[in-house]
PDB file of N, CA and C in Angstrom:
ATOM      1  N   MET A   1       9.669  -5.644 -16.830  1.00  0.00           N
ATOM      2  CA  MET A   1      11.002  -5.861 -16.280  1.00  0.00           C
ATOM      3  C   MET A   1      10.943  -6.951 -15.206  1.00  0.00           C
ATOM      4  N   LYS A   2      12.072  -7.580 -14.991  1.00  0.00           N
ATOM      5  CA  LYS A   2      12.124  -8.745 -14.109  1.00  0.00           C
ATOM      6  C   LYS A   2      12.781  -8.423 -12.772  1.00  0.00           C
ATOM      7  N   LYS A   3      12.014  -8.530 -11.693  1.00  0.00           N
ATOM      8  CA  LYS A   3      12.568  -8.320 -10.354  1.00  0.00           C
ATOM      9  C   LYS A   3      13.565  -9.449 -10.084  1.00  0.00           C
ATOM     10  N   THR A   4      14.794  -9.063  -9.790  1.00  0.00           N
ATOM     11  CA  THR A   4      15.880 -10.028  -9.678  1.00  0.00           C
ATOM     12  C   THR A   4      16.595  -9.914  -8.345  1.00  0.00           C
ATOM     13  N   VAL A   5      16.741 -11.058  -7.675  1.00  0.00           N
ATOM     14  CA  VAL A   5      17.564 -11.147  -6.481  1.00  0.00           C
ATOM     15  C   VAL A   5      18.951 -11.578  -6.929  1.00  0.00           C
ATOM     16  N   VAL A   6      19.943 -10.766  -6.639  1.00  0.00           N
ATOM     17  CA  VAL A   6      21.338 -11.125  -6.918  1.00  0.00           C
ATOM     18  C   VAL A   6      21.902 -11.707  -5.638  1.00  0.00           C
ATOM     19  N   LEU A   7      22.036 -13.037  -5.616  1.00  0.00           N
ATOM     20  CA  LEU A   7      22.526 -13.723  -4.423  1.00  0.00           C
ATOM     21  C   LEU A   7      24.045 -13.848  -4.513  1.00  0.00           C
ATOM     22  N   GLY A   8      24.702 -13.214  -3.547  1.00  0.00           N
ATOM     23  CA  GLY A   8      26.153 -13.126  -3.570  1.00  0.00           C
ATOM     24  C   GLY A   8      26.590 -11.697  -3.864  1.00  0.00           C
ATOM     25  N   ALA A   9      25.629 -10.767  -3.737  1.00  0.00           N
ATOM     26  CA  ALA A   9      25.922  -9.354  -3.992  1.00  0.00           C
ATOM     27  C   ALA A   9      27.059  -8.871  -3.101  1.00  0.00           C
ATOM     28  N   THR A  10      27.843  -7.959  -3.640  1.00  0.00           N
ATOM     29  CA  THR A  10      29.009  -7.441  -2.937  1.00  0.00           C
ATOM     30  C   THR A  10      29.240  -5.989  -3.320  1.00  0.00           C
ATOM     31  N   ASP A  11      29.965  -5.280  -2.467  1.00  0.00           N
ATOM     32  CA  ASP A  11      30.326  -3.898  -2.788  1.00  0.00           C
ATOM     33  C   ASP A  11      31.712  -3.825  -3.446  1.00  0.00           C
ATOM     34  N   ASN A  12      32.264  -4.977  -3.811  1.00  0.00           N
ATOM     35  CA  ASN A  12      33.583  -5.043  -4.451  1.00  0.00           C
ATOM     36  C   ASN A  12      33.423  -4.896  -5.965  1.00  0.00           C
ATOM     37  N   PRO A  13      33.861  -3.768  -6.546  1.00  0.00           N
ATOM     38  CA  PRO A  13      33.643  -3.523  -7.971  1.00  0.00           C
ATOM     39  C   PRO A  13      34.377  -4.488  -8.906  1.00  0.00           C
ATOM     40  N   SER A  14      35.273  -5.304  -8.386  1.00  0.00           N
ATOM     41  CA  SER A  14      35.977  -6.251  -9.256  1.00  0.00           C
ATOM     42  C   SER A  14      35.239  -7.592  -9.360  1.00  0.00           C
ATOM     43  N   ARG A  15      34.100  -7.732  -8.678  1.00  0.00           N
ATOM     44  CA  ARG A  15      33.353  -8.996  -8.689  1.00  0.00           C
ATOM     45  C   ARG A  15      32.191  -8.944  -9.694  1.00  0.00           C
ATOM     46  N   TYR A  16      31.909 -10.102 -10.297  1.00  0.00           N
ATOM     47  CA  TYR A  16      30.823 -10.171 -11.281  1.00  0.00           C
ATOM     48  C   TYR A  16      29.465  -9.835 -10.676  1.00  0.00           C
ATOM     49  N   ALA A  17      29.245 -10.184  -9.414  1.00  0.00           N
ATOM     50  CA  ALA A  17      27.969  -9.878  -8.773  1.00  0.00           C
ATOM     51  C   ALA A  17      27.743  -8.370  -8.696  1.00  0.00           C
ATOM     52  N   TYR A  18      28.810  -7.627  -8.468  1.00  0.00           N
ATOM     53  CA  TYR A  18      28.728  -6.170  -8.432  1.00  0.00           C
ATOM     54  C   TYR A  18      28.307  -5.648  -9.817  1.00  0.00           C
ATOM     55  N   LEU A  19      28.973  -6.168 -10.846  1.00  0.00           N
ATOM     56  CA  LEU A  19      28.643  -5.766 -12.214  1.00  0.00           C
ATOM     57  C   LEU A  19      27.198  -6.129 -12.555  1.00  0.00           C
ATOM     58  N   ALA A  20      26.766  -7.304 -12.118  1.00  0.00           N
ATOM     59  CA  ALA A  20      25.406  -7.748 -12.424  1.00  0.00           C
ATOM     60  C   ALA A  20      24.363  -6.799 -11.845  1.00  0.00           C
ATOM     61  N   VAL A  21      24.546  -6.397 -10.604  1.00  0.00           N
ATOM     62  CA  VAL A  21      23.587  -5.471  -9.991  1.00  0.00           C
ATOM     63  C   VAL A  21      23.490  -4.196 -10.824  1.00  0.00           C
ATOM     64  N   ASN A  22      24.624  -3.633 -11.171  1.00  0.00           N
ATOM     65  CA  ASN A  22      24.628  -2.375 -11.908  1.00  0.00           C
ATOM     66  C   ASN A  22      24.080  -2.519 -13.324  1.00  0.00           C
ATOM     67  N   ARG A  23      24.406  -3.603 -13.990  1.00  0.00           N
ATOM     68  CA  ARG A  23      23.907  -3.792 -15.363  1.00  0.00           C
ATOM     69  C   ARG A  23      22.423  -4.132 -15.389  1.00  0.00           C
ATOM     70  N   LEU A  24      21.969  -4.887 -14.400  1.00  0.00           N
ATOM     71  CA  LEU A  24      20.529  -5.147 -14.321  1.00  0.00           C
ATOM     72  C   LEU A  24      19.763  -3.835 -14.145  1.00  0.00           C
ATOM     73  N   GLN A  25      20.270  -2.970 -13.262  1.00  0.00           N
ATOM     74  CA  GLN A  25      19.636  -1.663 -13.069  1.00  0.00           C
ATOM     75  C   GLN A  25      19.653  -0.858 -14.366  1.00  0.00           C
ATOM     76  N   LYS A  26      20.786  -0.865 -15.033  1.00  0.00           N
ATOM     77  CA  LYS A  26      20.928  -0.113 -16.290  1.00  0.00           C
ATOM     78  C   LYS A  26      19.914  -0.577 -17.336  1.00  0.00           C
ATOM     79  N   HIS A  27      19.584  -1.859 -17.296  1.00  0.00           N
ATOM     80  CA  HIS A  27      18.607  -2.409 -18.230  1.00  0.00           C
ATOM     81  C   HIS A  27      17.167  -2.278 -17.719  1.00  0.00           C
ATOM     82  N   GLY A  28      16.985  -1.594 -16.586  1.00  0.00           N
ATOM     83  CA  GLY A  28      15.653  -1.290 -16.094  1.00  0.00           C
ATOM     84  C   GLY A  28      15.015  -2.329 -15.187  1.00  0.00           C
ATOM     85  N   HIS A  29      15.792  -3.323 -14.741  1.00  0.00           N
ATOM     86  CA  HIS A  29      15.244  -4.354 -13.860  1.00  0.00           C
ATOM     87  C   HIS A  29      15.323  -3.900 -12.401  1.00  0.00           C
ATOM     88  N   GLU A  30      14.314  -4.276 -11.632  1.00  0.00           N
ATOM     89  CA  GLU A  30      14.354  -4.032 -10.192  1.00  0.00           C
ATOM     90  C   GLU A  30      15.293  -5.062  -9.584  1.00  0.00           C
ATOM     91  N   VAL A  31      16.242  -4.617  -8.771  1.00  0.00           N
ATOM     92  CA  VAL A  31      17.266  -5.498  -8.225  1.00  0.00           C
ATOM     93  C   VAL A  31      17.206  -5.498  -6.698  1.00  0.00           C
ATOM     94  N   VAL A  32      17.379  -6.685  -6.138  1.00  0.00           N
ATOM     95  CA  VAL A  32      17.469  -6.842  -4.690  1.00  0.00           C
ATOM     96  C   VAL A  32      18.815  -7.519  -4.418  1.00  0.00           C
ATOM     97  N   PRO A  33      19.799  -6.761  -3.909  1.00  0.00           N
ATOM     98  CA  PRO A  33      21.103  -7.366  -3.626  1.00  0.00           C
ATOM     99  C   PRO A  33      21.100  -8.095  -2.280  1.00  0.00           C
ATOM    100  N   VAL A  34      21.493  -9.358  -2.308  1.00  0.00           N
ATOM    101  CA  VAL A  34      21.538 -10.181  -1.096  1.00  0.00           C
ATOM    102  C   VAL A  34      22.924 -10.792  -0.997  1.00  0.00           C
ATOM    103  N   GLY A  35      23.525 -10.708   0.189  1.00  0.00           N
ATOM    104  CA  GLY A  35      24.865 -11.245   0.352  1.00  0.00           C
ATOM    105  C   GLY A  35      25.171 -11.578   1.795  1.00  0.00           C
ATOM    106  N   ILE A  36      26.420 -11.933   2.056  1.00  0.00           N
ATOM    107  CA  ILE A  36      26.808 -12.326   3.413  1.00  0.00           C
ATOM    108  C   ILE A  36      27.410 -11.173   4.196  1.00  0.00           C
ATOM    109  N   ARG A  37      27.842 -10.139   3.490  1.00  0.00           N
ATOM    110  CA  ARG A  37      28.449  -8.993   4.177  1.00  0.00           C
ATOM    111  C   ARG A  37      27.663  -7.725   3.887  1.00  0.00           C
ATOM    112  N   LYS A  38      27.500  -6.924   4.916  1.00  0.00           N
ATOM    113  CA  LYS A  38      26.831  -5.637   4.730  1.00  0.00           C
ATOM    114  C   LYS A  38      27.675  -4.758   3.819  1.00  0.00           C
ATOM    115  N   GLY A  39      27.008  -3.900   3.127  1.00  0.00           N
ATOM    116  CA  GLY A  39      27.651  -2.979   2.210  1.00  0.00           C
ATOM    117  C   GLY A  39      26.582  -2.335   1.356  1.00  0.00           C
ATOM    118  N   GLU A  40      27.007  -1.725   0.293  1.00  0.00           N
ATOM    119  CA  GLU A  40      26.082  -1.051  -0.615  1.00  0.00           C
ATOM    120  C   GLU A  40      26.537  -1.286  -2.040  1.00  0.00           C
ATOM    121  N   VAL A  41      25.580  -1.536  -2.913  1.00  0.00           N
ATOM    122  CA  VAL A  41      25.868  -1.704  -4.330  1.00  0.00           C
ATOM    123  C   VAL A  41      24.691  -1.132  -5.116  1.00  0.00           C
ATOM    124  N   GLY A  42      24.995  -0.420  -6.172  1.00  0.00           N
ATOM    125  CA  GLY A  42      23.936   0.166  -6.975  1.00  0.00           C
ATOM    126  C   GLY A  42      23.074   1.141  -6.201  1.00  0.00           C
ATOM    127  N   GLY A  43      23.645   1.751  -5.167  1.00  0.00           N
ATOM    128  CA  GLY A  43      22.894   2.695  -4.352  1.00  0.00           C
ATOM    129  C   GLY A  43      21.932   2.038  -3.380  1.00  0.00           C
ATOM    130  N   MET A  44      22.060   0.726  -3.203  1.00  0.00           N
ATOM    131  CA  MET A  44      21.162  -0.010  -2.302  1.00  0.00           C
ATOM    132  C   MET A  44      21.968  -0.764  -1.259  1.00  0.00           C
ATOM    133  N   PRO A  45      21.412  -0.915  -0.058  1.00  0.00           N
ATOM    134  CA  PRO A  45      22.098  -1.737   0.942  1.00  0.00           C
ATOM    135  C   PRO A  45      21.999  -3.212   0.566  1.00  0.00           C
ATOM    136  N   ILE A  46      23.036  -3.964   0.857  1.00  0.00           N
ATOM    137  CA  ILE A  46      23.028  -5.406   0.638  1.00  0.00           C
ATOM    138  C   ILE A  46      22.289  -6.057   1.807  1.00  0.00           C
ATOM    139  N   ILE A  47      21.283  -6.845   1.488  1.00  0.00           N
ATOM    140  CA  ILE A  47      20.507  -7.551   2.505  1.00  0.00           C
ATOM    141  C   ILE A  47      21.308  -8.768   2.958  1.00  0.00           C
ATOM    142  N   THR A  48      21.466  -8.913   4.269  1.00  0.00           N
ATOM    143  CA  THR A  48      22.206 -10.061   4.795  1.00  0.00           C
ATOM    144  C   THR A  48      21.312 -10.993   5.613  1.00  0.00           C
ATOM    145  N   ASP A  49      20.067 -10.637   5.792  1.00  0.00           N
ATOM    146  CA  ASP A  49      19.117 -11.402   6.604  1.00  0.00           C
ATOM    147  C   ASP A  49      18.443 -12.473   5.744  1.00  0.00           C
ATOM    148  N   LYS A  50      18.681 -13.734   6.067  1.00  0.00           N
ATOM    149  CA  LYS A  50      18.093 -14.836   5.300  1.00  0.00           C
ATOM    150  C   LYS A  50      16.598 -14.994   5.541  1.00  0.00           C
ATOM    151  N   ASN A  51      16.036 -14.127   6.368  1.00  0.00           N
ATOM    152  CA  ASN A  51      14.591 -14.137   6.592  1.00  0.00           C
ATOM    153  C   ASN A  51      13.917 -12.922   5.955  1.00  0.00           C
ATOM    154  N   ALA A  52      14.696 -12.108   5.258  1.00  0.00           N
ATOM    155  CA  ALA A  52      14.131 -10.909   4.633  1.00  0.00           C
ATOM    156  C   ALA A  52      13.118 -11.313   3.571  1.00  0.00           C
ATOM    157  N   GLU A  53      11.929 -10.766   3.704  1.00  0.00           N
ATOM    158  CA  GLU A  53      10.871 -11.096   2.752  1.00  0.00           C
ATOM    159  C   GLU A  53      11.019 -10.233   1.497  1.00  0.00           C
ATOM    160  N   VAL A  54      11.016 -10.896   0.367  1.00  0.00           N
ATOM    161  CA  VAL A  54      11.050 -10.215  -0.928  1.00  0.00           C
ATOM    162  C   VAL A  54       9.930 -10.838  -1.753  1.00  0.00           C
ATOM    163  N   LYS A  55       9.019 -10.009  -2.210  1.00  0.00           N
ATOM    164  CA  LYS A  55       7.861 -10.510  -2.941  1.00  0.00           C
ATOM    165  C   LYS A  55       8.026 -10.331  -4.446  1.00  0.00           C
ATOM    166  N   ASP A  56       7.274 -11.128  -5.187  1.00  0.00           N
ATOM    167  CA  ASP A  56       7.178 -11.020  -6.641  1.00  0.00           C
ATOM    168  C   ASP A  56       8.534 -11.130  -7.334  1.00  0.00           C
ATOM    169  N   VAL A  57       9.325 -12.117  -6.926  1.00  0.00           N
ATOM    170  CA  VAL A  57      10.649 -12.319  -7.518  1.00  0.00           C
ATOM    171  C   VAL A  57      10.494 -13.106  -8.817  1.00  0.00           C
ATOM    172  N   ASP A  58      11.023 -12.571  -9.884  1.00  0.00           N
ATOM    173  CA  ASP A  58      11.038 -13.292 -11.152  1.00  0.00           C
ATOM    174  C   ASP A  58      12.260 -14.206 -11.217  1.00  0.00           C
ATOM    175  N   THR A  59      13.436 -13.646 -10.869  1.00  0.00           N
ATOM    176  CA  THR A  59      14.694 -14.357 -11.081  1.00  0.00           C
ATOM    177  C   THR A  59      15.595 -14.260  -9.860  1.00  0.00           C
ATOM    178  N   VAL A  60      16.249 -15.376  -9.531  1.00  0.00           N
ATOM    179  CA  VAL A  60      17.373 -15.372  -8.600  1.00  0.00           C
ATOM    180  C   VAL A  60      18.584 -15.702  -9.451  1.00  0.00           C
ATOM    181  N   THR A  61      19.573 -14.816  -9.448  1.00  0.00           N
ATOM    182  CA  THR A  61      20.804 -15.093 -10.172  1.00  0.00           C
ATOM    183  C   THR A  61      21.903 -15.341  -9.151  1.00  0.00           C
ATOM    184  N   LEU A  62      22.558 -16.485  -9.281  1.00  0.00           N
ATOM    185  CA  LEU A  62      23.498 -16.954  -8.262  1.00  0.00           C
ATOM    186  C   LEU A  62      24.939 -16.552  -8.544  1.00  0.00           C
ATOM    187  N   TYR A  63      25.555 -15.982  -7.519  1.00  0.00           N
ATOM    188  CA  TYR A  63      26.988 -15.674  -7.515  1.00  0.00           C
ATOM    189  C   TYR A  63      27.609 -16.236  -6.236  1.00  0.00           C
ATOM    190  N   VAL A  64      27.081 -17.367  -5.791  1.00  0.00           N
ATOM    191  CA  VAL A  64      27.567 -18.063  -4.606  1.00  0.00           C
ATOM    192  C   VAL A  64      27.939 -19.466  -5.065  1.00  0.00           C
ATOM    193  N   GLY A  65      29.140 -19.899  -4.747  1.00  0.00           N
ATOM    194  CA  GLY A  65      29.601 -21.220  -5.151  1.00  0.00           C
ATOM    195  C   GLY A  65      28.756 -22.328  -4.543  1.00  0.00           C
ATOM    196  N   PRO A  66      28.733 -23.501  -5.185  1.00  0.00           N
ATOM    197  CA  PRO A  66      27.894 -24.592  -4.704  1.00  0.00           C
ATOM    198  C   PRO A  66      28.206 -25.030  -3.275  1.00  0.00           C
ATOM    199  N   GLN A  67      29.438 -24.906  -2.864  1.00  0.00           N
ATOM    200  CA  GLN A  67      29.816 -25.304  -1.498  1.00  0.00           C
ATOM    201  C   GLN A  67      29.194 -24.391  -0.447  1.00  0.00           C
ATOM    202  N   ASN A  68      28.806 -23.174  -0.824  1.00  0.00           N
ATOM    203  CA  ASN A  68      28.199 -22.222   0.117  1.00  0.00           C
ATOM    204  C   ASN A  68      26.688 -22.068  -0.073  1.00  0.00           C
ATOM    205  N   GLN A  69      26.124 -22.779  -1.016  1.00  0.00           N
ATOM    206  CA  GLN A  69      24.699 -22.628  -1.302  1.00  0.00           C
ATOM    207  C   GLN A  69      23.755 -23.311  -0.319  1.00  0.00           C
ATOM    208  N   PRO A  70      24.119 -24.473   0.283  1.00  0.00           N
ATOM    209  CA  PRO A  70      23.137 -25.160   1.132  1.00  0.00           C
ATOM    210  C   PRO A  70      22.497 -24.289   2.216  1.00  0.00           C
ATOM    211  N   SER A  71      23.245 -23.392   2.807  1.00  0.00           N
ATOM    212  CA  SER A  71      22.656 -22.537   3.845  1.00  0.00           C
ATOM    213  C   SER A  71      21.655 -21.533   3.266  1.00  0.00           C
ATOM    214  N   TRP A  72      21.638 -21.403   1.946  1.00  0.00           N
ATOM    215  CA  TRP A  72      20.714 -20.489   1.270  1.00  0.00           C
ATOM    216  C   TRP A  72      19.512 -21.209   0.658  1.00  0.00           C
ATOM    217  N   TYR A  73      19.500 -22.530   0.622  1.00  0.00           N
ATOM    218  CA  TYR A  73      18.429 -23.273  -0.056  1.00  0.00           C
ATOM    219  C   TYR A  73      17.038 -22.824   0.374  1.00  0.00           C
ATOM    220  N   ASP A  74      16.778 -22.824   1.674  1.00  0.00           N
ATOM    221  CA  ASP A  74      15.441 -22.468   2.155  1.00  0.00           C
ATOM    222  C   ASP A  74      15.073 -21.052   1.737  1.00  0.00           C
ATOM    223  N   TYR A  75      16.028 -20.146   1.831  1.00  0.00           N
ATOM    224  CA  TYR A  75      15.753 -18.755   1.456  1.00  0.00           C
ATOM    225  C   TYR A  75      15.420 -18.646  -0.028  1.00  0.00           C
ATOM    226  N   ILE A  76      16.252 -19.270  -0.864  1.00  0.00           N
ATOM    227  CA  ILE A  76      16.026 -19.207  -2.316  1.00  0.00           C
ATOM    228  C   ILE A  76      14.638 -19.741  -2.655  1.00  0.00           C
ATOM    229  N   LEU A  77      14.311 -20.898  -2.137  1.00  0.00           N
ATOM    230  CA  LEU A  77      13.021 -21.509  -2.451  1.00  0.00           C
ATOM    231  C   LEU A  77      11.857 -20.708  -1.868  1.00  0.00           C
ATOM    232  N   SER A  78      12.065 -20.048  -0.728  1.00  0.00           N
ATOM    233  CA  SER A  78      10.997 -19.243  -0.120  1.00  0.00           C
ATOM    234  C   SER A  78      10.639 -18.032  -0.978  1.00  0.00           C
ATOM    235  N   LEU A  79      11.563 -17.601  -1.817  1.00  0.00           N
ATOM    236  CA  LEU A  79      11.305 -16.458  -2.686  1.00  0.00           C
ATOM    237  C   LEU A  79      10.336 -16.811  -3.813  1.00  0.00           C
ATOM    238  N   LYS A  80      10.192 -18.107  -4.079  1.00  0.00           N
ATOM    239  CA  LYS A  80       9.311 -18.599  -5.145  1.00  0.00           C
ATOM    240  C   LYS A  80       9.589 -17.893  -6.483  1.00  0.00           C
ATOM    241  N   PRO A  81      10.850 -17.901  -6.903  1.00  0.00           N
ATOM    242  CA  PRO A  81      11.156 -17.254  -8.189  1.00  0.00           C
ATOM    243  C   PRO A  81      10.628 -18.087  -9.349  1.00  0.00           C
ATOM    244  N   LYS A  82      10.480 -17.445 -10.490  1.00  0.00           N
ATOM    245  CA  LYS A  82      10.105 -18.170 -11.699  1.00  0.00           C
ATOM    246  C   LYS A  82      11.307 -18.942 -12.244  1.00  0.00           C
ATOM    247  N   ARG A  83      12.512 -18.377 -12.018  1.00  0.00           N
ATOM    248  CA  ARG A  83      13.709 -19.049 -12.527  1.00  0.00           C
ATOM    249  C   ARG A  83      14.916 -18.747 -11.650  1.00  0.00           C
ATOM    250  N   ILE A  84      15.894 -19.641 -11.746  1.00  0.00           N
ATOM    251  CA  ILE A  84      17.181 -19.461 -11.085  1.00  0.00           C
ATOM    252  C   ILE A  84      18.244 -19.552 -12.170  1.00  0.00           C
ATOM    253  N   ILE A  85      19.116 -18.563 -12.212  1.00  0.00           N
ATOM    254  CA  ILE A  85      20.228 -18.582 -13.158  1.00  0.00           C
ATOM    255  C   ILE A  85      21.479 -19.026 -12.406  1.00  0.00           C
ATOM    256  N   PHE A  86      22.054 -20.127 -12.868  1.00  0.00           N
ATOM    257  CA  PHE A  86      23.313 -20.622 -12.321  1.00  0.00           C
ATOM    258  C   PHE A  86      24.421 -20.045 -13.191  1.00  0.00           C
ATOM    259  N   ASN A  87      25.041 -18.974 -12.712  1.00  0.00           N
ATOM    260  CA  ASN A  87      26.154 -18.366 -13.435  1.00  0.00           C
ATOM    261  C   ASN A  87      27.347 -19.325 -13.406  1.00  0.00           C
ATOM    262  N   PRO A  88      28.309 -19.168 -14.319  1.00  0.00           N
ATOM    263  CA  PRO A  88      29.455 -20.081 -14.352  1.00  0.00           C
ATOM    264  C   PRO A  88      30.106 -20.234 -12.975  1.00  0.00           C
ATOM    265  N   GLY A  89      30.302 -21.492 -12.585  1.00  0.00           N
ATOM    266  CA  GLY A  89      30.913 -21.788 -11.295  1.00  0.00           C
ATOM    267  C   GLY A  89      29.924 -21.984 -10.161  1.00  0.00           C
ATOM    268  N   THR A  90      28.627 -21.776 -10.433  1.00  0.00           N
ATOM    269  CA  THR A  90      27.628 -21.924  -9.374  1.00  0.00           C
ATOM    270  C   THR A  90      26.737 -23.146  -9.583  1.00  0.00           C
ATOM    271  N   GLU A  91      27.014 -23.937 -10.604  1.00  0.00           N
ATOM    272  CA  GLU A  91      26.181 -25.090 -10.919  1.00  0.00           C
ATOM    273  C   GLU A  91      26.094 -26.034  -9.717  1.00  0.00           C
ATOM    274  N   ASN A  92      24.867 -26.565  -9.486  1.00  0.00           N
ATOM    275  CA  ASN A  92      24.630 -27.383  -8.307  1.00  0.00           C
ATOM    276  C   ASN A  92      23.423 -28.285  -8.577  1.00  0.00           C
ATOM    277  N   ARG A  93      23.678 -29.563  -8.809  1.00  0.00           N
ATOM    278  CA  ARG A  93      22.593 -30.498  -9.150  1.00  0.00           C
ATOM    279  C   ARG A  93      21.561 -30.634  -8.040  1.00  0.00           C
ATOM    280  N   GLU A  94      22.010 -30.594  -6.806  1.00  0.00           N
ATOM    281  CA  GLU A  94      21.067 -30.726  -5.687  1.00  0.00           C
ATOM    282  C   GLU A  94      20.064 -29.572  -5.689  1.00  0.00           C
ATOM    283  N   LEU A  95      20.541 -28.345  -5.811  1.00  0.00           N
ATOM    284  CA  LEU A  95      19.650 -27.185  -5.842  1.00  0.00           C
ATOM    285  C   LEU A  95      18.793 -27.196  -7.104  1.00  0.00           C
ATOM    286  N   GLU A  96      19.359 -27.623  -8.216  1.00  0.00           N
ATOM    287  CA  GLU A  96      18.578 -27.710  -9.450  1.00  0.00           C
ATOM    288  C   GLU A  96      17.410 -28.673  -9.280  1.00  0.00           C
ATOM    289  N   GLN A  97      17.646 -29.803  -8.625  1.00  0.00           N
ATOM    290  CA  GLN A  97      16.567 -30.767  -8.400  1.00  0.00           C
ATOM    291  C   GLN A  97      15.511 -30.191  -7.467  1.00  0.00           C
ATOM    292  N   MET A  98      15.945 -29.498  -6.425  1.00  0.00           N
ATOM    293  CA  MET A  98      15.001 -28.863  -5.506  1.00  0.00           C
ATOM    294  C   MET A  98      14.151 -27.833  -6.250  1.00  0.00           C
ATOM    295  N   ALA A  99      14.785 -27.086  -7.127  1.00  0.00           N
ATOM    296  CA  ALA A  99      14.061 -26.089  -7.922  1.00  0.00           C
ATOM    297  C   ALA A  99      13.060 -26.779  -8.849  1.00  0.00           C
ATOM    298  N   ALA A 100      13.497 -27.843  -9.517  1.00  0.00           N
ATOM    299  CA  ALA A 100      12.600 -28.570 -10.417  1.00  0.00           C
ATOM    300  C   ALA A 100      11.387 -29.097  -9.655  1.00  0.00           C
ATOM    301  N   ASP A 101      11.620 -29.618  -8.460  1.00  0.00           N
ATOM    302  CA  ASP A 101      10.528 -30.131  -7.628  1.00  0.00           C
ATOM    303  C   ASP A 101       9.541 -29.034  -7.246  1.00  0.00           C
ATOM    304  N   ALA A 102      10.023 -27.783  -7.212  1.00  0.00           N
ATOM    305  CA  ALA A 102       9.179 -26.634  -6.873  1.00  0.00           C
ATOM    306  C   ALA A 102       8.682 -25.902  -8.129  1.00  0.00           C
ATOM    307  N   ASN A 103       8.857 -26.551  -9.288  1.00  0.00           N
ATOM    308  CA  ASN A 103       8.432 -25.953 -10.575  1.00  0.00           C
ATOM    309  C   ASN A 103       9.109 -24.623 -10.871  1.00  0.00           C
ATOM    310  N   ILE A 104      10.395 -24.534 -10.527  1.00  0.00           N
ATOM    311  CA  ILE A 104      11.187 -23.339 -10.815  1.00  0.00           C
ATOM    312  C   ILE A 104      12.135 -23.683 -11.956  1.00  0.00           C
ATOM    313  N   GLU A 105      12.113 -22.870 -12.984  1.00  0.00           N
ATOM    314  CA  GLU A 105      13.001 -23.071 -14.136  1.00  0.00           C
ATOM    315  C   GLU A 105      14.448 -22.799 -13.717  1.00  0.00           C
ATOM    316  N   THR A 106      15.376 -23.570 -14.248  1.00  0.00           N
ATOM    317  CA  THR A 106      16.796 -23.318 -13.996  1.00  0.00           C
ATOM    318  C   THR A 106      17.516 -23.150 -15.323  1.00  0.00           C
ATOM    319  N   LEU A 107      18.493 -22.263 -15.320  1.00  0.00           N
ATOM    320  CA  LEU A 107      19.320 -22.019 -16.498  1.00  0.00           C
ATOM    321  C   LEU A 107      20.780 -22.026 -16.104  1.00  0.00           C
ATOM    322  N   HIS A 108      21.610 -22.601 -16.957  1.00  0.00           N
ATOM    323  CA  HIS A 108      23.063 -22.491 -16.811  1.00  0.00           C
ATOM    324  C   HIS A 108      23.469 -21.417 -17.814  1.00  0.00           C
ATOM    325  N   HIS A 109      23.708 -20.234 -17.321  1.00  0.00           N
ATOM    326  CA  HIS A 109      24.021 -19.122 -18.222  1.00  0.00           C
ATOM    327  C   HIS A 109      24.754 -18.059 -17.430  1.00  0.00           C
ATOM    328  N   CYS A 110      25.088 -16.996 -18.101  1.00  0.00           N
ATOM    329  CA  CYS A 110      25.751 -15.850 -17.482  1.00  0.00           C
ATOM    330  C   CYS A 110      24.815 -14.649 -17.592  1.00  0.00           C
ATOM    331  N   THR A 111      24.427 -14.114 -16.460  1.00  0.00           N
ATOM    332  CA  THR A 111      23.521 -12.967 -16.439  1.00  0.00           C
ATOM    333  C   THR A 111      24.075 -11.816 -17.270  1.00  0.00           C
ATOM    334  N   LEU A 112      25.373 -11.550 -17.157  1.00  0.00           N
ATOM    335  CA  LEU A 112      25.975 -10.442 -17.902  1.00  0.00           C
ATOM    336  C   LEU A 112      25.885 -10.658 -19.405  1.00  0.00           C
ATOM    337  N   VAL A 113      26.128 -11.878 -19.851  1.00  0.00           N
ATOM    338  CA  VAL A 113      26.025 -12.196 -21.286  1.00  0.00           C
ATOM    339  C   VAL A 113      24.569 -12.108 -21.743  1.00  0.00           C
ATOM    340  N   MET A 114      23.661 -12.604 -20.909  1.00  0.00           N
ATOM    341  CA  MET A 114      22.241 -12.524 -21.263  1.00  0.00           C
ATOM    342  C   MET A 114      21.793 -11.072 -21.429  1.00  0.00           C
ATOM    343  N   LEU A 115      22.234 -10.204 -20.541  1.00  0.00           N
ATOM    344  CA  LEU A 115      21.887  -8.783 -20.654  1.00  0.00           C
ATOM    345  C   LEU A 115      22.485  -8.173 -21.903  1.00  0.00           C
ATOM    346  N   ALA A 116      23.740  -8.497 -22.176  1.00  0.00           N
ATOM    347  CA  ALA A 116      24.429  -7.931 -23.339  1.00  0.00           C
ATOM    348  C   ALA A 116      23.810  -8.403 -24.656  1.00  0.00           C
ATOM    349  N   SER A 117      23.233  -9.605 -24.648  1.00  0.00           N
ATOM    350  CA  SER A 117      22.672 -10.162 -25.888  1.00  0.00           C
ATOM    351  C   SER A 117      21.152 -10.050 -25.934  1.00  0.00           C
ATOM    352  N   ASP A 118      20.579  -9.300 -25.022  1.00  0.00           N
ATOM    353  CA  ASP A 118      19.122  -9.088 -24.966  1.00  0.00           C
ATOM    354  C   ASP A 118      18.335 -10.386 -24.837  1.00  0.00           C
ATOM    355  N   THR A 119      18.863 -11.352 -24.099  1.00  0.00           N
ATOM    356  CA  THR A 119      18.159 -12.613 -23.874  1.00  0.00           C
ATOM    357  C   THR A 119      17.755 -12.792 -22.424  1.00  0.00           C
ATOM    358  N   TYR A 120      17.901 -11.740 -21.612  1.00  0.00           N
ATOM    359  CA  TYR A 120      17.580 -11.848 -20.197  1.00  0.00           C
ATOM    360  C   TYR A 120      16.081 -11.936 -20.020  1.00  0.00           C
TER     361      TYR A 120
END
């Protein structure tokens, strides 16, 4: 299973990030919810500290728009994920280039669709 950081996690059940946390758990993946507001999702507290250490990250799946991503760049890259999934609306060439420079795979896809189609 793939340890996944959901960046943009929220306790709002109408948001895709909320659904992603729950569906990743349902599919047996270890999930680390990270966001800007404290709360709880999937029975876990949302991490709001950009210095929180998370080890052995396979995937960072983004639910933060490109205009809000720059303040997260250092944190994302510090996690040393194997891949970053740019969900629809989160595409960002600058971050993609930074990831490529760090040998991190990037995908333009939807985490929810990948889970539903067994391609995650």
